[in-house]
Structure formats: C-alpha cells, structure tokens
Amino acid sequence: MRLLYLALSYILAPSVVFILLWKGMTNRAYFERFEERFGFGRSSTDRPSIWIHAVSVGEVVSATPMVHEFRAKYPDMPVVMTTVTPTGGERVAALFGDQVIHSYIPYDTPGAVSRFFDRFNPRLAIIMETELWPNLFAECGARDVPLVMANARISPRSVGKYKRFIGLFRETLAFGILIAAQSQRDAARFLELGAAPERTHAIGNIKFDFELPAGIAERGRQLRRQIAGERPVWIAASTHEGEETQVLAAHRQILSRYPDALLILVPRHRERFAAVAELVDRSGLSYVRRSQASACSAEHSVFLGDTLGELLMFYGAADVAFVAGSLEPVGGHNLLEPAAMGVPVLTGPHNFNAEDVALKLVEGGAARIVADVDDLARQVLPFLDQPGLSAEWGARGRHIISENRGALRRLLDMVEPLLDGSWAGRPATP
C-alpha cells in the first residue's frame, strides 16, 4: 500500500504546484517561500530542534502554551513551527516573532521530507491534532525521531474514509508514534486504524489550557463603546461560504425586533473578505469594514471584521456569539474562545471537528446548538432581551474551561522524557 502511495505522491506533485499557484491568484502569500513546500529554504538550524506542526491558525493557537513551556525548559533548543496555510504562518509571526522558526511543511515526497529534516534536524516531532503524512512519519522512524500526535482527534465520519486505506494508515501509525488523544472516543478510533494500544492515551483537550491575552476583555469593552455604545450586539465568527447569507437573513429577523442591533460579521478566511463585503452590500444592509477604520454609526447594522488576530476582542464586544463553520458541514470552529471571554455560545449542528467540546459546553449550560437560520435568530434574541442572561451563561462557560484544564500538563509529562533521552526507538517491524 505504501508503494502505491509513494507512486501517487510523485504523480500528483504537479497538481500540488497547480493548486498552490491557483490559491496564489487570490492570496499572494501562497507565492512567498514557495520552495519550502518542497523541502528547500533559507531557514535552518545547526542545533537539534523541537518541531511542531500546526496546520493553520487554530492549531497554532492551541500549541501556544506548549511552545512557551518548551522555550522556558529547553532554551538552547530551537522551536520550529510548520504550517500549511499562510494565515497560520502569520499567526506564528504575530505570537512569537523571531523566537520561533517558521517554515511551510513540505509536500509528502521522500525527497522533500528528507531535505526538510536535513535543514532542521528535529530531535522531537509533534503533530497537532490529526495530520497523517506517511512519508514524513516514515522519515521520523528512519531517523529515530520520536513523534507525538498531540491533541489528536478523528471525527466519526473520517474513520470510514481512513478505513478504505487501512493498510496504509496501519503502517503509518506503526512508526513508534505516541498518540495523545482528546478523548476516549478519539483514542478508540485511532485503535480501529491500527494504532498501538500501549502508545495511545486519552489525555483531554489542550485547548482548555489556553490563556487569554492580558487586557483582552477591556479591549473588547472599549471596542463595543466605540462601535455600538448601548446598542445590542451579536457576532457571527469564522463564517464560510454559504453561511454569510444565512447569518444576514437571521440578522434581518433580529432587526425586526431590535432595529438598532449590530452584527459583527467575521469571515474565516482573509481571501474572502472582499467577496463577503460585496455580499453584505448586495443585501442592502448598511455596513462598515474594520480595515477601513471608518466610524461605525447608528446607520450601520453590520460591522465587518476583515482583519486578522482580533477575533477575541470582537467576542468581547458582543452579547452572544455564533461560531460558524457549523451551519454548513465544515465541522465547526473553536467554541472555547468565546466561552473564555464570558460570552454565551451558539453553534450549528455540524461540530464533528470538536464534538466533545461542544457536548461539554451544551451539557454545562454555556452553549446551544441551532438547527437552521430561523433557529439562529430565535436563539440570539433572549440574550439581547435579558442582558443578565449573557453574564450567567458566560460564567458557566468559564467554569467549564477551568474544570477541564490539565491536558497540557499530561501531554508535557509524556513528551519531556523523549527530550531527556528515554526514547525507545521505532519498532523493529513497523
């Protein structure tokens, strides 16, 4: 099976180039450091490094406390972070500056992976959440680099897809990999795919261990004073194509009850900011873009959050938050950020990317799942009707986060012996 994968990885390499060039037409950041996608690049280190792979923004944020722990305990060991997307790379730069080396992860061919390993000489590899790269994992095995899948998860619908290639994934997961799964259900799904039971552990979700930036709550309140004053405010965050139309329809229903209500609309991807602005314009709703630094007046009913790195502040300006990627079958996004900001959480029915987090928040009375656009409008209104309700739900959310902390410490307890020399090496027959 792996020989077939090897052949396909080379055959499809030109397609990867085409896809990157196509994405670069709308986001020119994909043209930058293009050579890193194939293992080349100017960045390197002559010292053994700790390598952390985080696909994009969400995984970068999840890894932040771990990065700080590594830099404090192993100051002489460089931390290398790889991402797939430019927005992930921008987030690495914003959070860590030059304290962390950023590179794009190479395409999964043996040559590209080998060049990447030569550049960075990883002593430990940590893959955030679920990224299965057969050639990369095999290179870790060949070089005796311990590999940890941190905060690992598999959605129920992904198991069936992986099982179609069970031989490849069983072999991939056999390279001495340690799996730190988010839940017992995730651990069980990895075992179904061939993970070693003695190396598969359910440690909890390290997203519960993140720390809010200092002063972020006050910045949220200040933004609210600037753009809304005493107006009721709700936010639809991390929206995808198809969801903005539904959110705007819900907002029209809310405006029929509260004509002065303000919607903070935050698309998930930067390359869609202009298209979403055009969509709002065509809807007939008056709006202002955050990036234009224009004043948000009483005539504006939509505030378009078309900037990066300000989502937490936007949450802090709202009475209630709808987290998107969940009305469409995307899988949902981070529900813990608004909960940590003390904001009630609404989400759609598609939350398979973090089903356990959604379940905890719903069962704890800090979140609700909305069925459709009409239900979204209905669920927003009580929090605008009763300001005290937002504070009550927000307090529950913060309590749930506090109660579920500790996964990061358990992960570090697994990882630190690998850096201190007790790695047992890969199995003799992967």
Protein backbone atom coordinates (compact mmCIF):
# COMPACT_ATOMS: atom_id res chain seq x y z
CA MET A 1 0.00 0.00 0.00
CA ARG A 2 2.81 2.42 0.84
CA LEU A 3 4.49 1.77 -2.52
CA LEU A 4 1.26 2.82 -4.19
CA TYR A 5 1.16 5.96 -2.02
CA LEU A 6 4.78 6.72 -2.97
CA ALA A 7 3.96 6.45 -6.65
CA LEU A 8 0.87 8.63 -6.30
CA SER A 9 2.76 11.28 -4.31
CA TYR A 10 5.16 11.76 -7.23
CA ILE A 11 2.45 11.56 -9.88
CA LEU A 12 0.33 14.18 -8.10
CA ALA A 13 3.21 16.57 -7.30
CA PRO A 14 2.50 18.75 -10.38
CA SER A 15 -1.12 19.04 -9.20
CA VAL A 16 0.10 20.41 -5.87
CA VAL A 17 2.09 23.08 -7.70
CA PHE A 18 -1.01 24.00 -9.72
CA ILE A 19 -3.20 24.20 -6.59
CA LEU A 20 -0.69 26.46 -4.81
CA LEU A 21 -0.44 28.71 -7.87
CA TRP A 22 -4.23 28.82 -8.12
CA LYS A 23 -4.56 29.80 -4.45
CA GLY A 24 -1.87 32.42 -5.02
CA MET A 25 -4.13 34.16 -7.52
CA THR A 26 -6.42 35.23 -4.67
CA ASN A 27 -3.87 35.20 -1.84
CA ARG A 28 -0.40 36.18 -3.00
CA ALA A 29 1.09 34.91 0.27
CA TYR A 30 1.00 31.44 -1.32
CA PHE A 31 3.71 32.62 -3.74
CA GLU A 32 6.07 33.52 -0.89
CA ARG A 33 8.72 30.99 0.16
CA PHE A 34 7.27 28.60 -2.42
CA GLU A 35 10.42 26.47 -2.28
CA GLU A 36 9.67 25.44 1.30
CA ARG A 37 6.75 23.37 0.02
CA PHE A 38 9.39 21.04 -1.48
CA GLY A 39 11.87 20.96 1.39
CA PHE A 40 14.15 23.78 0.24
CA GLY A 41 14.51 27.10 2.03
CA ARG A 42 16.84 29.58 3.63
CA SER A 43 15.74 28.97 7.22
CA SER A 44 17.60 26.22 9.04
CA THR A 45 19.29 25.41 12.33
CA ASP A 46 22.55 23.65 13.12
CA ARG A 47 21.25 22.56 16.52
CA PRO A 48 18.74 19.78 17.27
CA SER A 49 15.28 21.33 17.30
CA ILE A 50 11.77 20.75 18.63
CA TRP A 51 9.49 20.64 15.62
CA ILE A 52 5.75 21.37 15.98
CA HIS A 53 3.39 21.13 13.02
CA ALA A 54 0.18 23.15 13.20
CA VAL A 55 -1.96 23.22 10.05
CA SER A 56 -3.35 26.73 10.42
CA VAL A 57 -4.45 29.39 12.89
CA GLY A 58 -6.48 27.22 15.27
CA GLU A 59 -3.73 24.68 15.77
CA VAL A 60 -1.11 27.41 16.18
CA VAL A 61 -3.16 28.96 18.98
CA SER A 62 -3.66 25.55 20.61
CA ALA A 63 0.09 24.94 20.57
CA THR A 64 0.98 28.32 22.09
CA PRO A 65 1.15 27.27 25.79
CA MET A 66 3.25 24.24 24.82
CA VAL A 67 5.68 26.42 22.87
CA HIS A 68 6.13 28.69 25.89
CA GLU A 69 6.80 25.66 28.11
CA PHE A 70 9.44 24.29 25.71
CA ARG A 71 11.19 27.64 25.35
CA ALA A 72 11.34 28.02 29.14
CA LYS A 73 12.62 24.49 29.86
CA TYR A 74 14.84 23.99 26.79
CA PRO A 75 16.15 27.50 25.96
CA ASP A 76 19.06 26.15 23.89
CA MET A 77 16.86 24.04 21.64
CA PRO A 78 15.22 25.97 18.76
CA VAL A 79 11.49 25.56 18.22
CA VAL A 80 10.45 25.11 14.59
CA MET A 81 6.78 25.53 13.69
CA THR A 82 5.37 24.46 10.34
CA THR A 83 2.00 25.33 8.88
CA VAL A 84 0.16 24.61 5.66
CA THR A 85 -1.54 27.98 5.26
CA PRO A 86 -0.06 31.49 5.09
CA THR A 87 -2.55 32.67 7.71
CA GLY A 88 -1.09 30.07 10.07
CA GLY A 89 2.38 31.41 9.33
CA GLU A 90 1.22 34.96 10.00
CA ARG A 91 -0.19 33.84 13.34
CA VAL A 92 3.14 32.22 14.27
CA ALA A 93 4.91 35.50 13.49
CA ALA A 94 2.37 37.54 15.46
CA LEU A 95 2.56 35.31 18.54
CA PHE A 96 6.28 34.53 18.67
CA GLY A 97 8.19 36.89 16.39
CA ASP A 98 11.73 35.64 15.85
CA GLN A 99 11.60 33.42 18.95
CA VAL A 100 10.28 30.57 16.78
CA ILE A 101 11.42 29.49 13.31
CA HIS A 102 8.54 29.20 10.85
CA SER A 103 8.51 27.11 7.69
CA TYR A 104 5.83 25.62 5.48
CA ILE A 105 5.58 21.86 5.81
CA PRO A 106 6.97 20.09 2.73
CA TYR A 107 4.85 18.12 0.32
CA ASP A 108 4.92 14.47 1.37
CA THR A 109 7.51 13.03 -1.03
CA PRO A 110 10.65 11.32 0.32
CA GLY A 111 12.99 13.89 -1.23
CA ALA A 112 11.14 16.95 0.09
CA VAL A 113 10.77 15.40 3.55
CA SER A 114 14.46 14.41 3.70
CA ARG A 115 15.56 17.95 2.78
CA PHE A 116 13.31 19.37 5.47
CA PHE A 117 14.80 17.05 8.11
CA ASP A 118 18.33 17.98 6.99
CA ARG A 119 17.52 21.69 7.41
CA PHE A 120 16.04 21.47 10.88
CA ASN A 121 17.45 18.30 12.48
CA PRO A 122 14.41 17.66 14.70
CA ARG A 123 15.01 15.81 17.95
CA LEU A 124 11.28 15.63 18.61
CA ALA A 125 8.31 15.95 16.22
CA ILE A 126 4.85 16.99 17.43
CA ILE A 127 1.90 16.95 15.05
CA MET A 128 -1.07 18.95 16.30
CA GLU A 129 -4.49 17.29 16.04
CA THR A 130 -4.77 14.87 13.10
CA GLU A 131 -2.39 15.12 10.17
CA LEU A 132 -1.35 11.76 8.71
CA TRP A 133 1.70 12.07 6.42
CA PRO A 134 3.01 8.56 5.58
CA ASN A 135 6.41 9.58 4.16
CA LEU A 136 7.03 12.14 6.86
CA PHE A 137 6.15 9.64 9.58
CA ALA A 138 8.40 7.06 7.95
CA GLU A 139 11.28 9.56 7.94
CA CYS A 140 10.81 10.08 11.68
CA GLY A 141 11.04 6.31 12.10
CA ALA A 142 14.13 6.02 9.89
CA ARG A 143 15.94 8.78 11.82
CA ASP A 144 14.75 7.63 15.26
CA VAL A 145 12.95 10.92 15.85
CA PRO A 146 10.16 10.42 18.42
CA LEU A 147 6.82 11.50 17.00
CA VAL A 148 3.83 12.62 19.07
CA MET A 149 0.35 13.28 17.73
CA ALA A 150 -0.82 15.92 20.22
CA ASN A 151 -4.45 16.81 20.86
CA ALA A 152 -5.23 14.10 18.34
CA ARG A 153 -8.76 13.58 17.14
CA ILE A 154 -10.66 11.72 14.44
CA SER A 155 -14.24 12.62 13.59
CA PRO A 156 -16.76 9.77 13.28
CA ARG A 157 -17.20 10.35 9.57
CA SER A 158 -13.42 10.35 8.95
CA VAL A 159 -12.98 6.83 10.33
CA GLY A 160 -14.87 5.35 7.41
CA LYS A 161 -12.72 7.25 4.92
CA TYR A 162 -9.49 6.15 6.59
CA LYS A 163 -10.64 2.53 6.68
CA ARG A 164 -10.67 2.46 2.90
CA PHE A 165 -6.89 2.78 3.14
CA ILE A 166 -6.50 0.80 6.35
CA GLY A 167 -3.29 -0.88 5.22
CA LEU A 168 -1.55 2.45 4.61
CA PHE A 169 -2.74 4.03 7.85
CA ARG A 170 -1.98 0.96 9.95
CA GLU A 171 1.58 1.07 8.62
CA THR A 172 1.80 4.84 9.10
CA LEU A 173 0.65 4.62 12.72
CA ALA A 174 3.14 1.84 13.48
CA PHE A 175 6.27 4.03 13.41
CA GLY A 176 6.57 4.21 17.19
CA ILE A 177 4.09 7.08 17.35
CA LEU A 178 2.73 8.30 20.66
CA ILE A 179 -0.90 9.41 20.36
CA ALA A 180 -2.25 11.89 22.91
CA ALA A 181 -5.94 11.82 22.03
CA GLN A 182 -8.50 14.42 23.03
CA SER A 183 -11.00 11.85 24.32
CA GLN A 184 -11.57 8.16 24.88
CA ARG A 185 -13.69 8.11 21.72
CA ASP A 186 -10.85 9.58 19.67
CA ALA A 187 -8.42 7.07 21.18
CA ALA A 188 -10.76 4.22 20.25
CA ARG A 189 -10.94 5.45 16.65
CA PHE A 190 -7.15 5.51 16.39
CA LEU A 191 -7.04 1.95 17.71
CA GLU A 192 -9.50 0.96 14.97
CA LEU A 193 -6.98 2.26 12.43
CA GLY A 194 -4.12 0.23 13.85
CA ALA A 195 -2.51 2.44 16.50
CA ALA A 196 -0.56 0.62 19.20
CA PRO A 197 -2.64 0.38 22.42
CA GLU A 198 0.40 0.88 24.66
CA ARG A 199 1.20 4.17 22.86
CA THR A 200 -2.36 5.55 22.63
CA HIS A 201 -3.62 7.67 25.53
CA ALA A 202 -6.67 9.88 26.13
CA ILE A 203 -5.33 12.94 27.95
CA GLY A 204 -8.02 15.56 27.28
CA ASN A 205 -8.09 18.63 25.07
CA ILE A 206 -5.20 21.07 25.49
CA LYS A 207 -7.37 23.84 24.04
CA PHE A 208 -8.84 24.16 27.54
CA ASP A 209 -5.39 25.21 28.78
CA PHE A 210 -5.01 28.34 26.71
CA GLU A 211 -4.55 31.70 28.43
CA LEU A 212 -6.31 34.85 27.33
CA PRO A 213 -4.01 37.75 26.37
CA ALA A 214 -3.64 40.34 29.11
CA GLY A 215 -6.18 43.14 28.84
CA ILE A 216 -8.23 41.49 26.09
CA ALA A 217 -11.53 41.81 27.98
CA GLU A 218 -11.05 45.55 28.42
CA ARG A 219 -10.13 45.94 24.75
CA GLY A 220 -13.38 44.17 23.86
CA ARG A 221 -15.39 46.52 26.07
CA GLN A 222 -13.60 49.52 24.61
CA LEU A 223 -14.35 48.37 21.07
CA ARG A 224 -18.01 47.97 21.97
CA ARG A 225 -18.13 51.53 23.30
CA GLN A 226 -16.56 52.74 20.05
CA ILE A 227 -18.75 50.89 17.56
CA ALA A 228 -22.03 50.27 19.38
CA GLY A 229 -22.47 52.28 22.54
CA GLU A 230 -25.65 50.96 24.16
CA ARG A 231 -26.83 49.02 21.09
CA PRO A 232 -27.41 45.23 21.33
CA VAL A 233 -24.54 43.34 19.63
CA TRP A 234 -24.12 39.79 18.39
CA ILE A 235 -21.26 38.21 16.48
CA ALA A 236 -21.09 35.55 13.77
CA ALA A 237 -17.49 34.35 13.74
CA SER A 238 -15.40 32.27 11.34
CA THR A 239 -18.08 32.11 8.66
CA HIS A 240 -17.65 30.09 5.46
CA GLU A 241 -19.16 30.40 2.03
CA GLY A 242 -22.91 29.84 2.24
CA GLU A 243 -23.10 30.86 5.88
CA GLU A 244 -22.94 34.64 5.48
CA THR A 245 -26.22 34.61 3.53
CA GLN A 246 -27.88 32.68 6.36
CA VAL A 247 -26.40 34.92 9.04
CA LEU A 248 -27.60 38.07 7.24
CA ALA A 249 -31.08 36.55 6.94
CA ALA A 250 -31.07 35.87 10.69
CA HIS A 251 -29.91 39.43 11.32
CA ARG A 252 -32.87 40.79 9.35
CA GLN A 253 -35.19 38.87 11.67
CA ILE A 254 -33.36 40.27 14.70
CA LEU A 255 -33.62 43.80 13.27
CA SER A 256 -37.40 43.44 13.16
CA ARG A 257 -37.30 43.21 16.99
CA TYR A 258 -34.25 45.42 17.59
CA PRO A 259 -33.85 47.94 14.74
CA ASP A 260 -30.60 49.22 16.26
CA ALA A 261 -28.97 45.76 16.65
CA LEU A 262 -25.41 45.43 15.36
CA LEU A 263 -23.98 42.27 13.81
CA ILE A 264 -20.21 41.75 13.93
CA LEU A 265 -19.54 39.51 10.92
CA VAL A 266 -16.11 37.83 10.78
CA PRO A 267 -15.30 35.61 7.76
CA ARG A 268 -12.94 32.72 8.43
CA HIS A 269 -10.52 33.32 5.56
CA ARG A 270 -8.81 36.55 4.57
CA GLU A 271 -9.13 35.86 0.84
CA ARG A 272 -12.93 36.05 1.19
CA PHE A 273 -13.08 39.44 2.93
CA ALA A 274 -13.78 41.40 -0.26
CA ALA A 275 -16.37 38.90 -1.50
CA VAL A 276 -18.22 38.99 1.82
CA ALA A 277 -18.18 42.80 1.76
CA GLU A 278 -19.82 42.68 -1.68
CA LEU A 279 -22.36 40.18 -0.37
CA VAL A 280 -23.33 42.47 2.53
CA ASP A 281 -23.55 45.39 0.14
CA ARG A 282 -25.90 43.48 -2.17
CA SER A 283 -28.06 42.52 0.80
CA GLY A 284 -28.98 46.16 1.25
CA LEU A 285 -27.75 46.29 4.84
CA SER A 286 -25.57 49.24 5.73
CA TYR A 287 -22.12 48.16 6.87
CA VAL A 288 -18.63 49.35 7.74
CA ARG A 289 -15.35 47.46 7.38
CA ARG A 290 -12.96 47.25 10.31
CA SER A 291 -9.97 47.52 7.96
CA GLN A 292 -11.11 50.90 6.69
CA ALA A 293 -11.01 52.35 10.20
CA SER A 294 -14.26 54.19 9.48
CA ALA A 295 -16.55 55.14 12.32
CA CYS A 296 -19.41 52.74 12.95
CA SER A 297 -22.50 54.93 13.29
CA ALA A 298 -26.12 54.22 14.19
CA GLU A 299 -26.97 53.79 10.50
CA HIS A 300 -24.67 50.77 10.19
CA SER A 301 -26.24 47.41 11.06
CA VAL A 302 -23.21 45.26 10.14
CA PHE A 303 -19.60 45.63 11.30
CA LEU A 304 -17.39 43.51 9.03
CA GLY A 305 -14.38 42.16 10.92
CA ASP A 306 -12.00 41.90 7.97
CA THR A 307 -8.76 41.87 9.95
CA LEU A 308 -6.59 39.14 11.40
CA GLY A 309 -5.79 38.48 15.05
CA GLU A 310 -8.70 40.47 16.55
CA LEU A 311 -11.35 37.79 16.96
CA LEU A 312 -11.05 37.58 20.75
CA MET A 313 -11.57 41.33 21.00
CA PHE A 314 -14.62 41.07 18.74
CA TYR A 315 -16.03 38.37 21.02
CA GLY A 316 -15.52 40.67 23.99
CA ALA A 317 -17.70 43.31 22.31
CA ALA A 318 -20.73 41.02 21.87
CA ASP A 319 -23.69 39.89 23.95
CA VAL A 320 -23.77 36.45 22.32
CA ALA A 321 -21.55 34.62 19.83
CA PHE A 322 -22.45 32.32 16.97
CA VAL A 323 -19.42 30.23 15.95
CA ALA A 324 -19.74 29.27 12.30
CA GLY A 325 -18.34 26.51 10.15
CA SER A 326 -21.27 24.67 11.68
CA LEU A 327 -24.34 25.61 9.63
CA GLU A 328 -22.52 24.18 6.63
CA PRO A 329 -20.80 20.77 7.08
CA VAL A 330 -17.35 22.22 7.71
CA GLY A 331 -17.05 20.71 11.19
CA GLY A 332 -17.17 23.79 13.40
CA HIS A 333 -14.51 26.01 14.94
CA ASN A 334 -13.18 26.92 18.37
CA LEU A 335 -16.06 27.26 20.83
CA LEU A 336 -13.75 27.80 23.79
CA GLU A 337 -12.59 31.28 22.78
CA PRO A 338 -15.98 32.98 23.22
CA ALA A 339 -16.64 30.87 26.33
CA ALA A 340 -13.34 32.03 27.84
CA MET A 341 -14.36 35.61 27.09
CA GLY A 342 -17.53 35.06 29.12
CA VAL A 343 -19.84 35.16 26.09
CA PRO A 344 -22.75 32.71 25.52
CA VAL A 345 -22.07 30.36 22.61
CA LEU A 346 -24.33 29.32 19.76
CA THR A 347 -23.25 26.85 17.10
CA GLY A 348 -24.81 24.94 14.23
CA PRO A 349 -25.38 21.18 14.04
CA HIS A 350 -22.06 20.34 12.31
CA ASN A 351 -19.48 20.15 15.12
CA PHE A 352 -17.64 16.96 14.30
CA ASN A 353 -14.23 18.71 14.49
CA ALA A 354 -14.66 19.17 18.26
CA GLU A 355 -17.68 17.17 19.28
CA ASP A 356 -16.52 16.69 22.89
CA VAL A 357 -16.01 20.41 23.45
CA ALA A 358 -19.47 21.17 22.04
CA LEU A 359 -21.01 18.45 24.21
CA LYS A 360 -19.36 19.75 27.40
CA LEU A 361 -20.49 23.32 26.77
CA VAL A 362 -24.04 22.31 25.86
CA GLU A 363 -24.43 19.97 28.83
CA GLY A 364 -22.96 22.64 31.10
CA GLY A 365 -25.47 25.27 30.01
CA ALA A 366 -22.93 27.53 28.28
CA ALA A 367 -23.85 26.77 24.66
CA ARG A 368 -26.76 25.82 22.43
CA ILE A 369 -26.93 24.14 19.05
CA VAL A 370 -29.10 25.90 16.49
CA ALA A 371 -30.78 23.90 13.74
CA ASP A 372 -31.06 26.49 10.97
CA VAL A 373 -31.20 30.19 10.15
CA ASP A 374 -34.61 30.74 11.80
CA ASP A 375 -33.49 28.95 14.93
CA LEU A 376 -30.34 31.08 14.98
CA ALA A 377 -32.40 34.26 15.12
CA ARG A 378 -34.66 32.81 17.83
CA GLN A 379 -31.70 31.77 19.98
CA VAL A 380 -29.94 35.14 19.70
CA LEU A 381 -32.94 37.19 20.86
CA PRO A 382 -33.13 36.05 24.53
CA PHE A 383 -29.59 37.32 25.15
CA LEU A 384 -30.50 40.70 23.70
CA ASP A 385 -33.75 40.74 25.70
CA GLN A 386 -32.09 39.90 29.02
CA PRO A 387 -28.56 41.30 29.49
CA GLY A 388 -28.17 39.34 32.73
CA LEU A 389 -28.60 36.10 30.81
CA SER A 390 -25.34 36.69 28.95
CA ALA A 391 -23.43 37.08 32.20
CA GLU A 392 -25.00 33.90 33.61
CA TRP A 393 -24.12 31.78 30.58
CA GLY A 394 -20.69 33.35 30.33
CA ALA A 395 -19.90 32.41 33.92
CA ARG A 396 -20.84 28.80 33.18
CA GLY A 397 -18.53 28.74 30.19
CA ARG A 398 -15.57 29.99 32.19
CA HIS A 399 -16.29 27.41 34.89
CA ILE A 400 -16.33 24.57 32.34
CA ILE A 401 -12.97 25.70 30.96
CA SER A 402 -11.49 25.86 34.45
CA GLU A 403 -12.80 22.38 35.29
CA ASN A 404 -11.25 20.82 32.18
CA ARG A 405 -7.74 22.23 32.36
CA GLY A 406 -4.75 19.92 32.82
CA ALA A 407 -4.35 18.19 29.45
CA LEU A 408 -1.28 20.30 28.66
CA ARG A 409 0.50 19.10 31.79
CA ARG A 410 -0.35 15.49 30.94
CA LEU A 411 0.96 16.00 27.42
CA LEU A 412 4.21 17.51 28.68
CA ASP A 413 4.64 14.60 31.08
CA MET A 414 4.51 12.32 28.02
CA VAL A 415 6.79 14.46 25.87
CA GLU A 416 9.56 15.59 28.20
CA PRO A 417 11.08 12.09 28.72
CA LEU A 418 11.51 11.91 24.94
CA LEU A 419 13.66 15.04 25.03
CA ASP A 420 15.54 13.82 28.08
CA GLY A 421 16.81 10.71 26.32
CA SER A 422 14.40 7.90 27.18
CA TRP A 423 13.01 7.38 23.65
CA ALA A 424 12.90 3.66 22.97
CA GLY A 425 13.12 3.98 19.21
CA ARG A 426 10.83 2.72 16.49
CA PRO A 427 9.51 -0.84 16.44
CA ALA A 428 11.72 -3.32 14.65
CA THR A 429 8.95 -4.17 12.18
CA PRO A 430 6.78 -1.10 11.50
